[in-house]
Amino acid sequence: MKDRIKQIREAAGVSQSEFSQKLNVSQAAVAQWEKGVKVPSASIVLLIAKEYGVNDKWLESGDGDMKRDFRDVQREIALAMFQQLSDDDQKAVNDVLEYYIKYGKSPYSNP
């Protein structure tokens, strides 16, 4: 993971200090990760992935692509927005989606 963390930081064009500030950790912690002395916690791995748009599975293991699929990001955003809605509003959104899936168009579009 040490090389992947450094790769992310360098690709972003930031110093260890700037990288650490964005993650709210010490510069020494970043240096230790990049040297392989320590590994970041699972929550920090997820934060790095989110902040720098990388695949957390790639960051952890090297498997898959470095960059996250744009569609996955869009799904996460949509889900987070949906979860903020009231139960009634979630039902309304579900009704519109079911209509769209069934008829291939929005119930609000012109006939």
C-alpha atoms as a PDB file:
ATOM      1  CA  MET A   1       0.000   0.000   0.000  1.00  0.00           C
ATOM      2  CA  LYS A   2       2.930   2.333   0.654  1.00  0.00           C
ATOM      3  CA  ASP A   3       3.682   2.797  -3.049  1.00  0.00           C
ATOM      4  CA  ARG A   4       0.017   3.378  -3.903  1.00  0.00           C
ATOM      5  CA  ILE A   5      -0.354   6.083  -1.258  1.00  0.00           C
ATOM      6  CA  LYS A   6       2.692   7.868  -2.620  1.00  0.00           C
ATOM      7  CA  GLN A   7       1.393   7.430  -6.172  1.00  0.00           C
ATOM      8  CA  ILE A   8      -1.918   9.075  -5.219  1.00  0.00           C
ATOM      9  CA  ARG A   9      -0.199  11.948  -3.459  1.00  0.00           C
ATOM     10  CA  GLU A  10       2.238  12.586  -6.292  1.00  0.00           C
ATOM     11  CA  ALA A  11      -0.509  12.331  -8.920  1.00  0.00           C
ATOM     12  CA  ALA A  12      -2.411  14.997  -6.971  1.00  0.00           C
ATOM     13  CA  GLY A  13       0.726  17.155  -6.982  1.00  0.00           C
ATOM     14  CA  VAL A  14       0.737  17.706  -3.236  1.00  0.00           C
ATOM     15  CA  SER A  15       3.405  17.453  -0.569  1.00  0.00           C
ATOM     16  CA  GLN A  16       3.200  15.073   2.358  1.00  0.00           C
ATOM     17  CA  SER A  17       2.255  18.060   4.489  1.00  0.00           C
ATOM     18  CA  GLU A  18      -0.611  19.094   2.196  1.00  0.00           C
ATOM     19  CA  PHE A  19      -1.783  15.483   1.901  1.00  0.00           C
ATOM     20  CA  SER A  20      -1.763  15.106   5.692  1.00  0.00           C
ATOM     21  CA  GLN A  21      -3.724  18.320   6.209  1.00  0.00           C
ATOM     22  CA  LYS A  22      -6.463  17.158   3.840  1.00  0.00           C
ATOM     23  CA  LEU A  23      -6.755  13.909   5.828  1.00  0.00           C
ATOM     24  CA  ASN A  24      -6.388  15.597   9.236  1.00  0.00           C
ATOM     25  CA  VAL A  25      -3.374  13.462  10.170  1.00  0.00           C
ATOM     26  CA  SER A  26       0.240  14.361  10.869  1.00  0.00           C
ATOM     27  CA  GLN A  27       2.847  14.638   8.144  1.00  0.00           C
ATOM     28  CA  ALA A  28       4.826  12.024  10.090  1.00  0.00           C
ATOM     29  CA  ALA A  29       1.930   9.566   9.693  1.00  0.00           C
ATOM     30  CA  VAL A  30       1.973  10.035   5.906  1.00  0.00           C
ATOM     31  CA  ALA A  31       5.741   9.543   5.863  1.00  0.00           C
ATOM     32  CA  GLN A  32       5.366   6.314   7.846  1.00  0.00           C
ATOM     33  CA  TRP A  33       2.688   5.027   5.439  1.00  0.00           C
ATOM     34  CA  GLU A  34       4.852   5.815   2.429  1.00  0.00           C
ATOM     35  CA  LYS A  35       7.834   4.045   4.007  1.00  0.00           C
ATOM     36  CA  GLY A  36       5.705   1.033   4.923  1.00  0.00           C
ATOM     37  CA  VAL A  37       6.418   1.465   8.643  1.00  0.00           C
ATOM     38  CA  LYS A  38       2.696   1.728   9.394  1.00  0.00           C
ATOM     39  CA  VAL A  39      -0.541   1.377   7.454  1.00  0.00           C
ATOM     40  CA  PRO A  40      -3.464   3.777   7.661  1.00  0.00           C
ATOM     41  CA  SER A  41      -6.641   2.735   9.448  1.00  0.00           C
ATOM     42  CA  ALA A  42      -9.600   1.489   7.413  1.00  0.00           C
ATOM     43  CA  SER A  43     -11.359   4.825   7.902  1.00  0.00           C
ATOM     44  CA  ILE A  44      -8.332   6.729   6.592  1.00  0.00           C
ATOM     45  CA  VAL A  45      -8.127   4.402   3.564  1.00  0.00           C
ATOM     46  CA  LEU A  46     -11.762   5.224   2.773  1.00  0.00           C
ATOM     47  CA  LEU A  47     -11.092   8.932   3.275  1.00  0.00           C
ATOM     48  CA  ILE A  48      -8.096   8.848   0.922  1.00  0.00           C
ATOM     49  CA  ALA A  49     -10.219   7.029  -1.664  1.00  0.00           C
ATOM     50  CA  LYS A  50     -13.017   9.578  -1.347  1.00  0.00           C
ATOM     51  CA  GLU A  51     -10.846  12.695  -1.303  1.00  0.00           C
ATOM     52  CA  TYR A  52      -8.668  11.635  -4.232  1.00  0.00           C
ATOM     53  CA  GLY A  53     -11.241   9.727  -6.310  1.00  0.00           C
ATOM     54  CA  VAL A  54      -9.492   6.378  -6.175  1.00  0.00           C
ATOM     55  CA  ASN A  55     -10.819   2.874  -5.782  1.00  0.00           C
ATOM     56  CA  ASP A  56     -10.464   1.858  -2.124  1.00  0.00           C
ATOM     57  CA  LYS A  57      -9.999  -1.813  -3.091  1.00  0.00           C
ATOM     58  CA  TRP A  58      -7.102  -0.825  -5.361  1.00  0.00           C
ATOM     59  CA  LEU A  59      -5.606   1.269  -2.571  1.00  0.00           C
ATOM     60  CA  GLU A  60      -5.799  -1.622  -0.100  1.00  0.00           C
ATOM     61  CA  SER A  61      -4.684  -4.475  -2.334  1.00  0.00           C
ATOM     62  CA  GLY A  62      -3.590  -3.182  -5.724  1.00  0.00           C
ATOM     63  CA  ASP A  63      -6.445  -5.084  -7.397  1.00  0.00           C
ATOM     64  CA  GLY A  64      -8.582  -3.392 -10.022  1.00  0.00           C
ATOM     65  CA  ASP A  65      -8.246   0.077 -11.471  1.00  0.00           C
ATOM     66  CA  MET A  66      -6.785   3.004  -9.565  1.00  0.00           C
ATOM     67  CA  LYS A  67      -9.561   5.425 -10.432  1.00  0.00           C
ATOM     68  CA  ARG A  68     -13.107   4.884  -9.335  1.00  0.00           C
ATOM     69  CA  ASP A  69     -15.714   4.307 -11.996  1.00  0.00           C
ATOM     70  CA  PHE A  70     -17.692   7.517 -12.488  1.00  0.00           C
ATOM     71  CA  ARG A  71     -20.934   5.516 -12.401  1.00  0.00           C
ATOM     72  CA  ASP A  72     -20.062   4.152  -8.959  1.00  0.00           C
ATOM     73  CA  VAL A  73     -19.471   7.672  -7.696  1.00  0.00           C
ATOM     74  CA  GLN A  74     -22.804   8.816  -9.124  1.00  0.00           C
ATOM     75  CA  ARG A  75     -24.590   5.874  -7.476  1.00  0.00           C
ATOM     76  CA  GLU A  76     -23.037   6.707  -4.098  1.00  0.00           C
ATOM     77  CA  ILE A  77     -24.099  10.341  -4.403  1.00  0.00           C
ATOM     78  CA  ALA A  78     -27.633   9.378  -5.424  1.00  0.00           C
ATOM     79  CA  LEU A  79     -27.924   6.919  -2.548  1.00  0.00           C
ATOM     80  CA  ALA A  80     -26.647   9.460  -0.027  1.00  0.00           C
ATOM     81  CA  MET A  81     -29.166  12.021  -1.301  1.00  0.00           C
ATOM     82  CA  PHE A  82     -31.990   9.457  -1.261  1.00  0.00           C
ATOM     83  CA  GLN A  83     -31.206   8.489   2.338  1.00  0.00           C
ATOM     84  CA  GLN A  84     -31.618  12.117   3.411  1.00  0.00           C
ATOM     85  CA  LEU A  85     -35.238  12.164   2.194  1.00  0.00           C
ATOM     86  CA  SER A  86     -38.232  11.545   4.413  1.00  0.00           C
ATOM     87  CA  ASP A  87     -40.014   8.188   4.114  1.00  0.00           C
ATOM     88  CA  ASP A  88     -42.810   9.818   2.095  1.00  0.00           C
ATOM     89  CA  ASP A  89     -40.343  11.447  -0.283  1.00  0.00           C
ATOM     90  CA  GLN A  90     -38.442   8.163  -0.695  1.00  0.00           C
ATOM     91  CA  LYS A  91     -41.728   6.476  -1.642  1.00  0.00           C
ATOM     92  CA  ALA A  92     -42.439   9.226  -4.198  1.00  0.00           C
ATOM     93  CA  VAL A  93     -38.997   8.761  -5.753  1.00  0.00           C
ATOM     94  CA  ASN A  94     -39.520   4.990  -5.870  1.00  0.00           C
ATOM     95  CA  ASP A  95     -42.894   5.497  -7.581  1.00  0.00           C
ATOM     96  CA  VAL A  96     -41.315   7.686 -10.271  1.00  0.00           C
ATOM     97  CA  LEU A  97     -38.505   5.180 -10.839  1.00  0.00           C
ATOM     98  CA  GLU A  98     -40.943   2.270 -11.101  1.00  0.00           C
ATOM     99  CA  TYR A  99     -43.002   4.236 -13.646  1.00  0.00           C
ATOM    100  CA  TYR A 100     -39.880   5.085 -15.633  1.00  0.00           C
ATOM    101  CA  ILE A 101     -38.750   1.457 -15.650  1.00  0.00           C
ATOM    102  CA  LYS A 102     -42.201   0.231 -16.678  1.00  0.00           C
ATOM    103  CA  TYR A 103     -42.917   2.828 -19.389  1.00  0.00           C
ATOM    104  CA  GLY A 104     -39.439   4.034 -20.359  1.00  0.00           C
ATOM    105  CA  LYS A 105     -40.226   7.665 -19.652  1.00  0.00           C
ATOM    106  CA  SER A 106     -40.877  10.033 -16.810  1.00  0.00           C
ATOM    107  CA  PRO A 107     -44.473  10.396 -15.645  1.00  0.00           C
ATOM    108  CA  TYR A 108     -43.870  14.148 -15.962  1.00  0.00           C
ATOM    109  CA  SER A 109     -42.840  14.135 -19.626  1.00  0.00           C
ATOM    110  CA  ASN A 110     -45.161  15.295 -22.388  1.00  0.00           C
ATOM    111  CA  PRO A 111     -47.258  12.564 -24.012  1.00  0.00           C
END
